[in-house]
């Protein structure tokens, strides 16, 4: 049978032809490119909401899209009714008419200006400025009809954008699959990884840009209100809106505020208008520096970490290609091009294009992590829950079972992981609350109520299941080291644990919450245990499963061992000197 496959030359010519046709189509239909891009962006923004409604309400995607668009149209209809009257009132209260500005400018230019030994006739500059302004006003009046036509055309394009966006978001899963299927089988992984990175860029942009606009608007409004600038709310709104323009926006937002300060001065600060304008300009510079060095790295992340010069060039290119839309999308578009460029470059030099994913896929975290200064250790102190007794995991499993009825809340993570994070984050606050109650003399009341509730539920006395291998570990360590318990449990529970294991002689010191004024992560429990042993804290090791255990030991000057057999996760125990999978593994690091 004759081979009908295209030759390499034919494929190359076909590819060149496709590129040329796409370039021609782009040039010929570039007018519709902007509405299509806006429709895609709107679909991208609405996609999470549509997916949420589809999944949670178990309705069809078409119905979910319809509900989302109805809500969007209702919101768009309400914005003019709520926002525009307030803006009109602010602008009318501003009362900075053209004649007032001209009078102020004339007062500044009433005499000659002397700069560097050169004299400039300021009146000539004033006449030229007035003539240019009159020309601009007359031109604007002559084109007012065109402005109205543009508004009508914009409304038509708005309807088209909504229709296009409806179909984009409705068929998003199908379109995504079809686009990914176009790639050869060997490049399917690369397409998925590129898609993930590009989605991260745009997600960071939209989420971060909205948050930045809100933070900057609030910061500018509060700051200008404090210094007494009139119409601070309007200036804050302008700053928030212009934050959409990368790099240039904050500078442009400062111009009207400085002009108002120069003309009106402060409402109560004893400064001349000139120095008040300097103060306002300085405040804008401070806000911009805080934004660039603190907010942007934390909110936007590294995905949009572009050099300002690159962003400025991108803004100019975007403005020439797509006007305001090009300015707004310059930063994420450049970041997307950077992702694609790195992929192409890595393949050109035969380098793995996604090394971080390759590393995470092929390597696991190897335990143990860190090392103890064993020669100086004289005593080993243990937390109870999650370290010596296995109550944490059992409690987590029990509560996770109770959350099965609402397992849809944990789509991206397991209920067990959620509970671990919740308890870890709340332990420090709970210990702090107990400390306050102790100082107020109310902690006996709280624990009495707890005991009463336990009796009311007719709970049997609890056993303390040991972590695997802990019994043998304690026996072996007691030969060489002095042992102790440092826990946030009450003394009654600690004594019950010691009696259960039948070796009260193993522990020389027992520090419970009843023995200290301040609980972990405060260093007092560790310091009290070291003092009772007659040892400096530097000769003690505290073994625990949570970050408060580690922080308490480090604050006291003792070494810390974190174990992953309790509540704590690896990231919670990063400050520990040694991290182990289980408490029983400690023998290999303290015994020969």
Protein backbone atom coordinates (compact mmCIF):
# COMPACT_ATOMS: atom_id res chain seq x y z
CA UNK A 1 0.00 0.00 0.00
CA UNK A 2 1.26 3.42 -0.89
CA UNK A 3 2.43 5.50 2.08
CA UNK A 4 0.14 8.58 2.24
CA UNK A 5 1.86 10.24 5.15
CA UNK A 6 3.12 13.76 4.54
CA UNK A 7 6.82 14.26 4.17
CA UNK A 8 8.73 16.49 6.59
CA UNK A 9 8.98 19.20 3.92
CA UNK A 10 5.22 19.15 3.36
CA UNK A 11 4.59 19.39 7.10
CA UNK A 12 6.94 22.37 7.36
CA UNK A 13 5.21 24.20 4.50
CA UNK A 14 1.80 23.46 6.00
CA UNK A 15 2.97 24.82 9.35
CA UNK A 16 4.32 27.99 7.69
CA UNK A 17 1.01 28.42 5.87
CA UNK A 18 -0.98 28.07 9.08
CA UNK A 19 1.18 30.68 10.81
CA UNK A 20 0.72 33.09 7.90
CA UNK A 21 -3.05 32.56 7.87
CA UNK A 22 -3.23 33.19 11.59
CA UNK A 23 -1.19 36.38 11.22
CA UNK A 24 -3.46 37.54 8.39
CA UNK A 25 -6.57 36.75 10.42
CA UNK A 26 -5.15 38.61 13.38
CA UNK A 27 -4.47 41.66 11.24
CA UNK A 28 -7.80 41.52 9.41
CA UNK A 29 -10.02 40.90 12.42
CA UNK A 30 -8.02 42.66 15.13
CA UNK A 31 -11.05 44.82 15.95
CA UNK A 32 -12.89 41.85 17.41
CA UNK A 33 -9.83 40.62 19.27
CA UNK A 34 -10.40 42.88 22.28
CA UNK A 35 -14.02 41.75 22.91
CA UNK A 36 -12.97 38.12 22.57
CA UNK A 37 -10.16 38.60 25.11
CA UNK A 38 -12.51 40.36 27.52
CA UNK A 39 -15.02 37.52 27.11
CA UNK A 40 -12.34 34.93 27.87
CA UNK A 41 -11.23 36.87 30.96
CA UNK A 42 -14.81 37.18 32.20
CA UNK A 43 -15.31 33.45 31.66
CA UNK A 44 -12.10 32.78 33.57
CA UNK A 45 -13.28 34.90 36.50
CA UNK A 46 -16.73 33.25 36.60
CA UNK A 47 -15.46 29.69 36.15
CA UNK A 48 -14.80 28.99 39.89
CA UNK A 49 -18.29 30.21 40.82
CA UNK A 50 -19.94 28.12 38.12
CA UNK A 51 -17.98 25.02 39.13
CA UNK A 52 -18.90 25.59 42.78
CA UNK A 53 -22.63 25.85 42.00
CA UNK A 54 -22.50 22.84 39.70
CA UNK A 55 -20.75 20.70 42.30
CA UNK A 56 -22.49 21.80 45.48
CA UNK A 57 -26.06 22.21 44.20
CA UNK A 58 -25.73 19.25 41.83
CA UNK A 59 -27.28 21.15 38.94
CA UNK A 60 -26.37 21.17 35.26
CA UNK A 61 -23.52 23.38 34.11
CA UNK A 62 -25.87 25.34 31.85
CA UNK A 63 -28.12 26.21 34.80
CA UNK A 64 -25.11 27.10 36.95
CA UNK A 65 -23.82 29.44 34.21
CA UNK A 66 -27.26 31.04 33.87
CA UNK A 67 -27.52 31.67 37.62
CA UNK A 68 -24.02 33.19 37.70
CA UNK A 69 -24.74 35.54 34.80
CA UNK A 70 -28.07 36.62 36.27
CA UNK A 71 -26.30 37.51 39.50
CA UNK A 72 -23.59 39.35 37.54
CA UNK A 73 -26.18 41.39 35.60
CA UNK A 74 -28.00 42.25 38.83
CA UNK A 75 -24.73 43.39 40.38
CA UNK A 76 -23.86 45.49 37.32
CA UNK A 77 -27.32 47.10 37.47
CA UNK A 78 -26.94 47.98 41.15
CA UNK A 79 -23.48 49.54 40.87
CA UNK A 80 -24.64 52.72 39.06
CA UNK A 81 -27.49 53.18 41.54
CA UNK A 82 -25.19 52.88 44.57
CA UNK A 83 -21.82 54.19 43.43
CA UNK A 84 -22.56 56.95 40.93
CA UNK A 85 -24.65 59.19 43.27
CA UNK A 86 -21.88 59.04 45.89
CA UNK A 87 -19.26 59.87 43.28
CA UNK A 88 -21.32 62.76 41.92
CA UNK A 89 -21.69 64.14 45.42
CA UNK A 90 -17.95 63.84 46.07
CA UNK A 91 -17.04 65.48 42.78
CA UNK A 92 -19.55 68.30 43.25
CA UNK A 93 -18.28 68.89 46.78
CA UNK A 94 -14.76 69.08 45.39
CA UNK A 95 -15.73 72.39 43.81
CA UNK A 96 -12.40 72.80 42.04
CA UNK A 97 -13.62 74.47 38.86
CA UNK A 98 -11.41 75.42 35.98
CA UNK A 99 -11.44 79.13 36.82
CA UNK A 100 -10.18 78.47 40.37
CA UNK A 101 -7.29 76.41 39.04
CA UNK A 102 -6.44 79.11 36.51
CA UNK A 103 -6.56 81.82 39.18
CA UNK A 104 -4.20 79.78 41.35
CA UNK A 105 -1.83 79.21 38.45
CA UNK A 106 -1.93 82.94 37.61
CA UNK A 107 -0.99 83.82 41.18
CA UNK A 108 2.07 81.59 40.86
CA UNK A 109 2.99 82.97 37.47
CA UNK A 110 2.28 86.62 38.17
CA UNK A 111 5.97 87.48 38.19
CA UNK A 112 9.06 86.31 36.32
CA UNK A 113 10.60 82.98 37.31
CA UNK A 114 14.33 82.91 38.00
CA UNK A 115 15.90 79.43 37.60
CA UNK A 116 19.67 79.00 37.64
CA UNK A 117 20.30 82.63 36.70
CA UNK A 118 17.82 82.52 33.81
CA UNK A 119 14.69 84.63 33.86
CA UNK A 120 11.49 83.24 32.35
CA UNK A 121 8.46 85.42 31.64
CA UNK A 122 5.79 83.39 33.39
CA UNK A 123 2.95 85.38 31.86
CA UNK A 124 3.84 84.01 28.42
CA UNK A 125 3.65 80.47 29.73
CA UNK A 126 0.25 81.25 31.20
CA UNK A 127 -1.09 82.65 27.92
CA UNK A 128 0.10 79.60 26.01
CA UNK A 129 -1.43 77.23 28.55
CA UNK A 130 -4.79 79.03 28.38
CA UNK A 131 -4.75 78.93 24.57
CA UNK A 132 -3.97 75.21 24.57
CA UNK A 133 -6.74 74.55 27.07
CA UNK A 134 -9.28 76.49 25.01
CA UNK A 135 -8.30 74.52 21.92
CA UNK A 136 -8.78 71.23 23.78
CA UNK A 137 -12.21 72.27 25.11
CA UNK A 138 -13.42 73.31 21.66
CA UNK A 139 -12.16 70.05 20.16
CA UNK A 140 -13.94 68.05 22.85
CA UNK A 141 -17.19 69.92 22.23
CA UNK A 142 -16.94 69.31 18.49
CA UNK A 143 -16.50 65.56 19.02
CA UNK A 144 -19.26 65.12 21.59
CA UNK A 145 -21.49 63.48 19.00
CA UNK A 146 -18.78 60.92 18.29
CA UNK A 147 -18.52 60.28 21.99
CA UNK A 148 -22.23 59.44 22.15
CA UNK A 149 -21.87 57.09 19.18
CA UNK A 150 -18.93 55.42 20.88
CA UNK A 151 -21.05 54.86 24.00
CA UNK A 152 -23.78 53.21 21.91
CA UNK A 153 -21.19 51.03 20.19
CA UNK A 154 -19.72 50.10 23.56
CA UNK A 155 -23.11 48.89 24.80
CA UNK A 156 -23.44 46.68 21.72
CA UNK A 157 -19.99 45.20 22.30
CA UNK A 158 -20.91 44.68 25.96
CA UNK A 159 -23.81 42.44 24.93
CA UNK A 160 -21.54 40.54 22.53
CA UNK A 161 -18.96 40.03 25.30
CA UNK A 162 -21.62 38.61 27.61
CA UNK A 163 -22.83 36.17 24.96
CA UNK A 164 -19.31 35.01 24.11
CA UNK A 165 -18.39 34.69 27.76
CA UNK A 166 -21.52 32.61 28.44
CA UNK A 167 -20.47 30.02 25.89
CA UNK A 168 -16.81 30.09 26.95
CA UNK A 169 -17.59 29.34 30.58
CA UNK A 170 -20.31 26.82 29.72
CA UNK A 171 -18.03 24.74 27.50
CA UNK A 172 -14.80 25.35 29.45
CA UNK A 173 -14.24 21.68 30.42
CA UNK A 174 -14.83 20.52 26.83
CA UNK A 175 -12.60 23.22 25.34
CA UNK A 176 -9.82 22.45 27.83
CA UNK A 177 -9.88 18.77 26.98
CA UNK A 178 -9.93 19.42 23.25
CA UNK A 179 -6.99 21.82 23.43
CA UNK A 180 -4.95 19.39 25.54
CA UNK A 181 -5.81 16.54 23.13
CA UNK A 182 -4.24 18.46 20.24
CA UNK A 183 -0.77 17.86 21.67
CA UNK A 184 1.09 14.65 20.79
CA UNK A 185 1.01 11.92 23.43
CA UNK A 186 4.64 12.46 24.41
CA UNK A 187 3.92 16.13 25.18
CA UNK A 188 0.69 15.68 27.15
CA UNK A 189 2.53 16.12 30.46
CA UNK A 190 4.23 19.30 29.24
CA UNK A 191 0.89 20.74 28.15
CA UNK A 192 -0.61 20.03 31.56
CA UNK A 193 2.34 21.56 33.40
CA UNK A 194 2.32 24.65 31.16
CA UNK A 195 -1.41 25.02 31.72
CA UNK A 196 -0.96 24.83 35.49
CA UNK A 197 1.77 27.47 35.52
CA UNK A 198 -0.17 29.83 33.27
CA UNK A 199 -3.29 29.39 35.41
CA UNK A 200 -1.19 30.20 38.50
CA UNK A 201 -0.03 33.42 36.83
CA UNK A 202 -3.51 34.63 35.99
CA UNK A 203 -4.99 33.48 39.28
CA UNK A 204 -2.31 35.40 41.18
CA UNK A 205 -2.96 38.43 39.00
CA UNK A 206 -6.73 38.62 39.42
CA UNK A 207 -6.78 37.71 43.10
CA UNK A 208 -3.77 39.86 43.93
CA UNK A 209 -4.86 42.85 41.84
CA UNK A 210 -8.26 43.01 43.50
CA UNK A 211 -6.71 42.78 46.96
CA UNK A 212 -4.05 45.37 46.14
CA UNK A 213 -6.69 47.81 44.85
CA UNK A 214 -8.68 47.41 48.05
CA UNK A 215 -5.65 47.73 50.37
CA UNK A 216 -4.25 50.78 48.56
CA UNK A 217 -7.65 52.50 48.45
CA UNK A 218 -8.15 52.02 52.19
CA UNK A 219 -4.56 53.01 53.05
CA UNK A 220 -4.70 56.20 50.98
CA UNK A 221 -8.11 57.18 52.36
CA UNK A 222 -7.06 56.69 55.99
CA UNK A 223 -3.67 58.38 55.54
CA UNK A 224 -5.06 61.45 53.77
CA UNK A 225 -7.88 61.73 56.30
CA UNK A 226 -5.34 61.75 59.14
CA UNK A 227 -3.34 64.63 57.59
CA UNK A 228 -6.50 66.57 56.76
CA UNK A 229 -6.59 66.49 52.95
CA UNK A 230 -10.05 67.43 51.66
CA UNK A 231 -11.93 64.71 49.74
CA UNK A 232 -9.67 61.91 50.97
CA UNK A 233 -12.34 59.32 50.13
CA UNK A 234 -12.37 60.36 46.48
CA UNK A 235 -8.56 60.30 46.35
CA UNK A 236 -8.56 56.81 47.85
CA UNK A 237 -11.02 55.62 45.22
CA UNK A 238 -8.86 57.09 42.46
CA UNK A 239 -5.77 55.40 43.91
CA UNK A 240 -7.56 52.06 44.07
CA UNK A 241 -8.76 52.26 40.46
CA UNK A 242 -5.41 53.43 39.08
CA UNK A 243 -3.73 50.55 40.91
CA UNK A 244 -4.95 48.48 37.96
CA UNK A 245 -2.20 50.13 35.88
CA UNK A 246 1.10 48.52 36.96
CA UNK A 247 3.91 50.86 38.07
CA UNK A 248 2.39 54.00 36.48
CA UNK A 249 -0.93 53.86 38.32
CA UNK A 250 0.30 54.87 41.79
CA UNK A 251 2.23 57.83 40.31
CA UNK A 252 -0.78 59.04 38.35
CA UNK A 253 -2.99 58.68 41.45
CA UNK A 254 -0.74 61.05 43.39
CA UNK A 255 -1.18 63.93 40.91
CA UNK A 256 -4.76 65.02 41.84
CA UNK A 257 -4.05 64.64 45.56
CA UNK A 258 -0.93 66.84 45.33
CA UNK A 259 -2.85 69.46 43.32
CA UNK A 260 -5.64 69.56 45.89
CA UNK A 261 -3.08 69.88 48.67
CA UNK A 262 -1.35 72.69 46.80
CA UNK A 263 -4.57 74.60 46.20
CA UNK A 264 -6.64 73.90 49.32
CA UNK A 265 -4.05 73.02 51.95
CA UNK A 266 -4.77 70.96 55.05
CA UNK A 267 -7.99 71.17 57.02
CA UNK A 268 -6.12 71.56 60.32
CA UNK A 269 -2.35 71.06 59.98
CA UNK A 270 -0.41 74.34 60.42
CA UNK A 271 1.42 73.98 57.09
CA UNK A 272 1.55 76.20 54.06
CA UNK A 273 -0.08 74.73 50.93
CA UNK A 274 3.33 74.15 49.36
CA UNK A 275 4.74 72.15 52.27
CA UNK A 276 1.46 70.32 52.71
CA UNK A 277 1.67 69.27 49.06
CA UNK A 278 5.22 68.04 49.71
CA UNK A 279 3.90 66.05 52.69
CA UNK A 280 1.14 64.47 50.60
CA UNK A 281 3.61 63.56 47.85
CA UNK A 282 5.89 61.98 50.46
CA UNK A 283 3.02 59.95 51.89
CA UNK A 284 2.20 58.61 48.43
CA UNK A 285 5.85 57.65 47.97
CA UNK A 286 5.85 55.81 51.32
CA UNK A 287 2.63 53.95 50.45
CA UNK A 288 4.06 53.00 47.06
CA UNK A 289 7.29 51.72 48.62
CA UNK A 290 5.40 49.64 51.17
CA UNK A 291 3.24 48.29 48.36
CA UNK A 292 6.20 47.36 46.13
CA UNK A 293 8.40 45.87 48.85
CA UNK A 294 5.86 44.32 51.22
CA UNK A 295 2.42 43.90 49.67
CA UNK A 296 3.22 42.92 46.07
CA UNK A 297 5.66 40.09 46.96
CA UNK A 298 3.26 38.67 49.52
CA UNK A 299 0.02 39.12 47.57
CA UNK A 300 1.14 38.56 43.98
CA UNK A 301 3.84 36.01 44.78
CA UNK A 302 6.72 35.12 42.51
CA UNK A 303 4.60 34.35 39.45
CA UNK A 304 4.40 38.06 38.54
CA UNK A 305 7.84 39.08 39.77
CA UNK A 306 8.85 41.19 36.75
CA UNK A 307 11.39 43.99 36.52
CA UNK A 308 9.71 47.46 36.42
CA UNK A 309 11.49 48.29 33.14
CA UNK A 310 10.08 45.15 31.52
CA UNK A 311 6.60 46.02 32.79
CA UNK A 312 6.91 49.60 31.49
CA UNK A 313 7.89 48.37 28.03
CA UNK A 314 5.02 45.87 28.17
CA UNK A 315 2.60 48.65 29.10
CA UNK A 316 3.68 50.71 26.09
CA UNK A 317 3.34 47.71 23.80
CA UNK A 318 -0.01 46.76 25.30
CA UNK A 319 -1.31 50.30 24.92
CA UNK A 320 -0.37 50.34 21.24
CA UNK A 321 -1.99 46.94 20.64
CA UNK A 322 -5.13 47.00 22.76
CA UNK A 323 -5.40 50.40 24.47
CA UNK A 324 -6.53 50.36 28.09
CA UNK A 325 -7.03 46.59 28.03
CA UNK A 326 -3.43 46.14 26.90
CA UNK A 327 -2.19 48.34 29.74
CA UNK A 328 -4.20 46.36 32.29
CA UNK A 329 -3.07 42.94 31.03
CA UNK A 330 0.56 43.83 30.33
CA UNK A 331 1.99 42.25 33.50
CA UNK A 332 0.22 38.85 33.37
CA UNK A 333 0.77 38.64 29.60
CA UNK A 334 4.51 39.18 30.09
CA UNK A 335 4.57 36.61 32.89
CA UNK A 336 2.81 34.14 30.61
CA UNK A 337 5.36 34.79 27.86
CA UNK A 338 8.11 34.21 30.42
CA UNK A 339 6.64 30.79 31.27
CA UNK A 340 6.47 29.86 27.59
CA UNK A 341 9.94 31.28 26.93
CA UNK A 342 11.50 29.26 29.75
CA UNK A 343 9.85 26.12 28.42
CA UNK A 344 11.14 26.71 24.88
CA UNK A 345 14.64 27.62 26.10
CA UNK A 346 14.85 24.53 28.34
CA UNK A 347 13.95 22.29 25.43
CA UNK A 348 16.42 24.01 23.13
CA UNK A 349 19.30 23.24 25.49
CA UNK A 350 17.94 19.77 26.44
CA UNK A 351 17.16 20.69 30.03
CA UNK A 352 14.20 19.49 32.10
CA UNK A 353 11.58 22.30 31.68
CA UNK A 354 9.88 21.61 35.03
CA UNK A 355 12.71 20.68 37.43
CA UNK A 356 10.78 21.47 40.60
CA UNK A 357 7.93 19.12 39.65
CA UNK A 358 10.43 16.47 38.59
CA UNK A 359 12.20 16.76 41.95
CA UNK A 360 9.01 16.63 44.01
CA UNK A 361 7.79 13.64 42.04
CA UNK A 362 10.96 11.61 42.45
CA UNK A 363 12.14 12.57 45.91
CA UNK A 364 10.45 12.18 49.29
CA UNK A 365 11.38 13.83 52.55
CA UNK A 366 13.91 11.63 54.30
CA UNK A 367 13.75 11.37 58.08
CA UNK A 368 15.40 12.05 60.44
CA UNK A 369 16.05 15.73 59.81
CA UNK A 370 18.67 17.55 61.89
CA UNK A 371 20.97 16.43 64.66
CA UNK A 372 21.23 16.63 68.47
CA UNK A 373 24.26 17.79 70.42
CA UNK A 374 24.23 14.56 72.36
CA UNK A 375 27.36 15.03 74.48
CA UNK A 376 25.77 17.83 76.50
CA UNK A 377 22.43 16.12 77.18
CA UNK A 378 21.71 15.08 80.77
CA UNK A 379 17.89 14.98 80.85
CA UNK A 380 15.07 14.17 78.44
CA UNK A 381 11.66 15.78 78.94
CA UNK A 382 8.54 14.47 77.21
CA UNK A 383 5.22 15.94 76.24
CA UNK A 384 2.34 13.49 76.74
CA UNK A 385 -0.32 13.68 74.03
CA UNK A 386 1.00 12.64 70.65
CA UNK A 387 4.47 11.96 72.09
CA UNK A 388 4.17 9.28 74.76
CA UNK A 389 0.45 8.51 74.47
CA UNK A 390 -1.38 8.00 71.20
CA UNK A 391 -4.49 10.05 71.96
CA UNK A 392 -4.04 12.70 69.26
CA UNK A 393 -4.37 10.36 66.28
CA UNK A 394 -7.34 8.53 67.79
CA UNK A 395 -9.10 11.82 68.53
CA UNK A 396 -8.43 13.07 65.01
CA UNK A 397 -9.81 9.86 63.51
CA UNK A 398 -12.88 10.06 65.74
CA UNK A 399 -13.69 13.67 64.80
CA UNK A 400 -12.92 13.06 61.13
CA UNK A 401 -15.53 10.32 61.17
CA UNK A 402 -18.06 12.76 62.54
CA UNK A 403 -17.30 15.16 59.68
CA UNK A 404 -18.20 12.64 56.98
CA UNK A 405 -21.66 14.18 56.72
CA UNK A 406 -20.07 17.40 55.45
CA UNK A 407 -17.14 15.90 53.55
CA UNK A 408 -18.00 18.15 50.59
CA UNK A 409 -16.40 21.00 52.53
CA UNK A 410 -13.00 19.32 52.17
CA UNK A 411 -12.75 18.85 48.42
CA UNK A 412 -9.06 19.79 48.23
CA UNK A 413 -7.87 18.29 51.51
CA UNK A 414 -8.77 15.51 53.90
CA UNK A 415 -10.79 16.21 57.09
CA UNK A 416 -7.89 14.76 59.11
CA UNK A 417 -5.45 17.30 57.67
CA UNK A 418 -7.92 20.13 58.27
CA UNK A 419 -8.41 19.11 61.90
CA UNK A 420 -4.66 18.88 62.48
CA UNK A 421 -4.14 22.40 61.16
CA UNK A 422 -7.09 23.70 63.19
CA UNK A 423 -5.86 22.20 66.46
CA UNK A 424 -2.26 23.23 65.82
CA UNK A 425 -3.24 26.83 65.15
CA UNK A 426 -5.53 26.93 68.18
CA UNK A 427 -3.25 25.30 70.74
CA UNK A 428 -1.21 28.42 71.43
CA UNK A 429 -4.36 30.53 71.79
CA UNK A 430 -5.96 27.94 74.07
CA UNK A 431 -2.90 27.83 76.31
CA UNK A 432 -2.87 31.61 76.45
CA UNK A 433 -6.56 31.65 77.39
CA UNK A 434 -5.90 29.14 80.19
CA UNK A 435 -3.10 31.38 81.46
CA UNK A 436 -5.45 34.38 81.59
CA UNK A 437 -8.11 32.31 83.36
CA UNK A 438 -5.48 31.18 85.87
CA UNK A 439 -4.49 34.77 86.63
CA UNK A 440 -8.14 35.66 87.11
CA UNK A 441 -8.68 32.66 89.35
CA UNK A 442 -11.28 31.20 86.97
CA UNK A 443 -9.44 28.13 85.71
CA UNK A 444 -10.77 25.88 88.54
CA UNK A 445 -14.29 26.85 87.47
CA UNK A 446 -13.59 25.98 83.83
CA UNK A 447 -12.08 22.59 84.68
CA UNK A 448 -14.85 21.87 87.18
CA UNK A 449 -17.41 22.45 84.43
CA UNK A 450 -15.41 20.17 82.13
CA UNK A 451 -15.33 17.40 84.74
CA UNK A 452 -19.06 17.85 85.36
CA UNK A 453 -19.77 17.47 81.65
CA UNK A 454 -17.67 14.31 81.55
CA UNK A 455 -19.61 12.84 84.48
CA UNK A 456 -22.87 13.88 82.87
CA UNK A 457 -21.89 11.91 79.77
CA UNK A 458 -20.96 8.99 82.08
CA UNK A 459 -17.54 8.65 80.52
CA UNK A 460 -15.42 5.82 81.86
CA UNK A 461 -11.89 6.57 83.10
CA UNK A 462 -9.70 6.94 80.06
CA UNK A 463 -6.81 4.66 79.24
CA UNK A 464 -3.58 6.09 77.87
CA UNK A 465 -2.50 4.01 74.84
CA UNK A 466 1.24 4.29 74.45
CA UNK A 467 2.90 5.16 71.18
CA UNK A 468 4.51 2.03 69.74
CA UNK A 469 7.92 1.40 71.23
CA UNK A 470 7.68 4.09 73.93
CA UNK A 471 7.76 1.65 76.85
CA UNK A 472 11.05 0.13 75.74
CA UNK A 473 12.45 3.59 74.95
CA UNK A 474 11.73 4.96 78.43
CA UNK A 475 13.29 1.91 80.06
CA UNK A 476 16.46 2.24 77.97
CA UNK A 477 16.81 6.01 78.39
CA UNK A 478 16.34 5.88 82.17
CA UNK A 479 19.65 4.03 82.50
CA UNK A 480 21.64 6.96 81.10
CA UNK A 481 19.43 10.06 81.36
CA UNK A 482 17.15 11.72 83.86
CA UNK A 483 13.56 11.77 82.57
CA UNK A 484 10.64 14.14 83.07
CA UNK A 485 7.20 15.05 81.77
CA UNK A 486 6.22 18.56 80.65
CA UNK A 487 2.58 18.75 79.59
CA UNK A 488 -0.45 21.02 79.47
CA UNK A 489 -2.58 18.29 81.04
CA UNK A 490 -3.61 18.57 84.68
CA UNK A 491 -1.65 16.83 87.45
CA UNK A 492 -4.45 14.32 87.95
CA UNK A 493 -4.07 13.04 84.37
CA UNK A 494 -0.28 12.98 84.64
CA UNK A 495 -0.39 10.86 87.81
CA UNK A 496 -2.95 8.56 86.17
CA UNK A 497 -0.59 8.04 83.23
CA UNK A 498 2.37 7.30 85.50
CA UNK A 499 0.32 4.82 87.53
CA UNK A 500 -0.90 3.11 84.38
CA UNK A 501 2.57 2.35 83.06
CA UNK A 502 3.50 1.08 86.52
CA UNK A 503 6.89 2.81 86.62
CA UNK A 504 6.57 5.95 88.68
CA UNK A 505 10.29 5.80 89.32
CA UNK A 506 11.07 6.50 85.64
CA UNK A 507 10.29 10.20 85.89
CA UNK A 508 12.08 12.48 88.34
CA UNK A 509 9.96 15.52 87.55
CA UNK A 510 6.36 16.01 86.47
CA UNK A 511 5.35 19.50 85.28
CA UNK A 512 1.63 19.89 84.55
CA UNK A 513 -0.51 22.94 83.91
CA UNK A 514 -1.22 23.09 87.64
CA UNK A 515 2.47 23.70 88.37
CA UNK A 516 3.13 26.78 86.23
CA UNK A 517 1.60 30.16 85.61
CA UNK A 518 2.34 30.16 81.89
CA UNK A 519 1.88 27.27 79.52
CA UNK A 520 3.76 26.29 76.36
CA UNK A 521 4.89 27.89 74.08
CA UNK A 522 6.14 30.01 77.03
CA UNK A 523 9.50 28.71 78.32
CA UNK A 524 8.35 28.54 81.97
CA UNK A 525 7.37 24.81 81.97
CA UNK A 526 10.76 23.77 80.57
CA UNK A 527 12.65 26.09 82.91
CA UNK A 528 10.71 24.75 85.89
CA UNK A 529 11.52 21.14 84.95
CA UNK A 530 15.22 21.96 84.48
CA UNK A 531 15.31 23.79 87.81
CA UNK A 532 13.67 20.83 89.58
CA UNK A 533 16.36 18.57 88.11
CA UNK A 534 19.10 20.98 89.13
CA UNK A 535 20.31 21.30 85.54
CA UNK A 536 20.73 24.23 83.20
CA UNK A 537 18.16 24.11 80.36
CA UNK A 538 21.01 23.72 77.85
CA UNK A 539 21.49 20.16 79.18
CA UNK A 540 17.85 19.22 78.58
CA UNK A 541 15.97 17.96 75.51
CA UNK A 542 12.22 18.41 75.14
CA UNK A 543 10.44 15.89 72.92
CA UNK A 544 7.06 17.00 71.56
CA UNK A 545 4.72 16.75 68.59
CA UNK A 546 3.56 20.36 68.16
CA UNK A 547 5.07 23.73 67.43
CA UNK A 548 4.35 25.06 70.97
CA UNK A 549 6.54 22.24 72.33
CA UNK A 550 9.39 23.20 70.00
CA UNK A 551 9.04 26.93 70.63
CA UNK A 552 8.92 26.42 74.40
CA UNK A 553 12.15 24.41 74.35
CA UNK A 554 13.99 26.85 72.10
CA UNK A 555 12.85 29.84 74.16
CA UNK A 556 14.16 28.18 77.31
CA UNK A 557 17.52 27.39 75.72
CA UNK A 558 16.97 23.63 75.55
CA UNK A 559 17.23 21.40 72.50
CA UNK A 560 13.99 20.35 70.81
CA UNK A 561 12.98 17.09 69.15
CA UNK A 562 9.85 17.10 67.00
CA UNK A 563 7.98 13.84 66.38
CA UNK A 564 5.44 13.22 63.62
CA UNK A 565 3.41 10.62 65.51
CA UNK A 566 1.06 13.29 66.92
CA UNK A 567 -0.67 16.39 65.64
CA UNK A 568 2.28 18.24 64.18
CA UNK A 569 3.16 18.23 60.50
CA UNK A 570 6.64 18.63 59.08
CA UNK A 571 6.23 22.37 58.46
CA UNK A 572 5.06 22.86 62.06
CA UNK A 573 8.28 21.38 63.46
CA UNK A 574 10.81 23.14 61.23
CA UNK A 575 12.51 24.90 64.17
CA UNK A 576 13.30 21.66 65.99
CA UNK A 577 16.90 20.49 66.25
CA UNK A 578 15.83 16.98 65.26
CA UNK A 579 12.66 15.72 63.55
CA UNK A 580 11.71 12.04 63.86
CA UNK A 581 8.90 9.93 62.48
CA UNK A 582 8.11 8.52 65.93
CA UNK A 583 9.18 9.00 69.54
CA UNK A 584 10.58 5.45 69.56
CA UNK A 585 13.17 6.54 66.96
CA UNK A 586 14.86 8.70 69.63
CA UNK A 587 16.84 5.72 70.88
CA UNK A 588 19.05 5.73 67.80
CA UNK A 589 20.12 9.32 68.54
CA UNK A 590 20.65 9.18 72.32
CA UNK A 591 21.85 5.63 72.85
CA UNK A 592 24.77 3.69 71.42
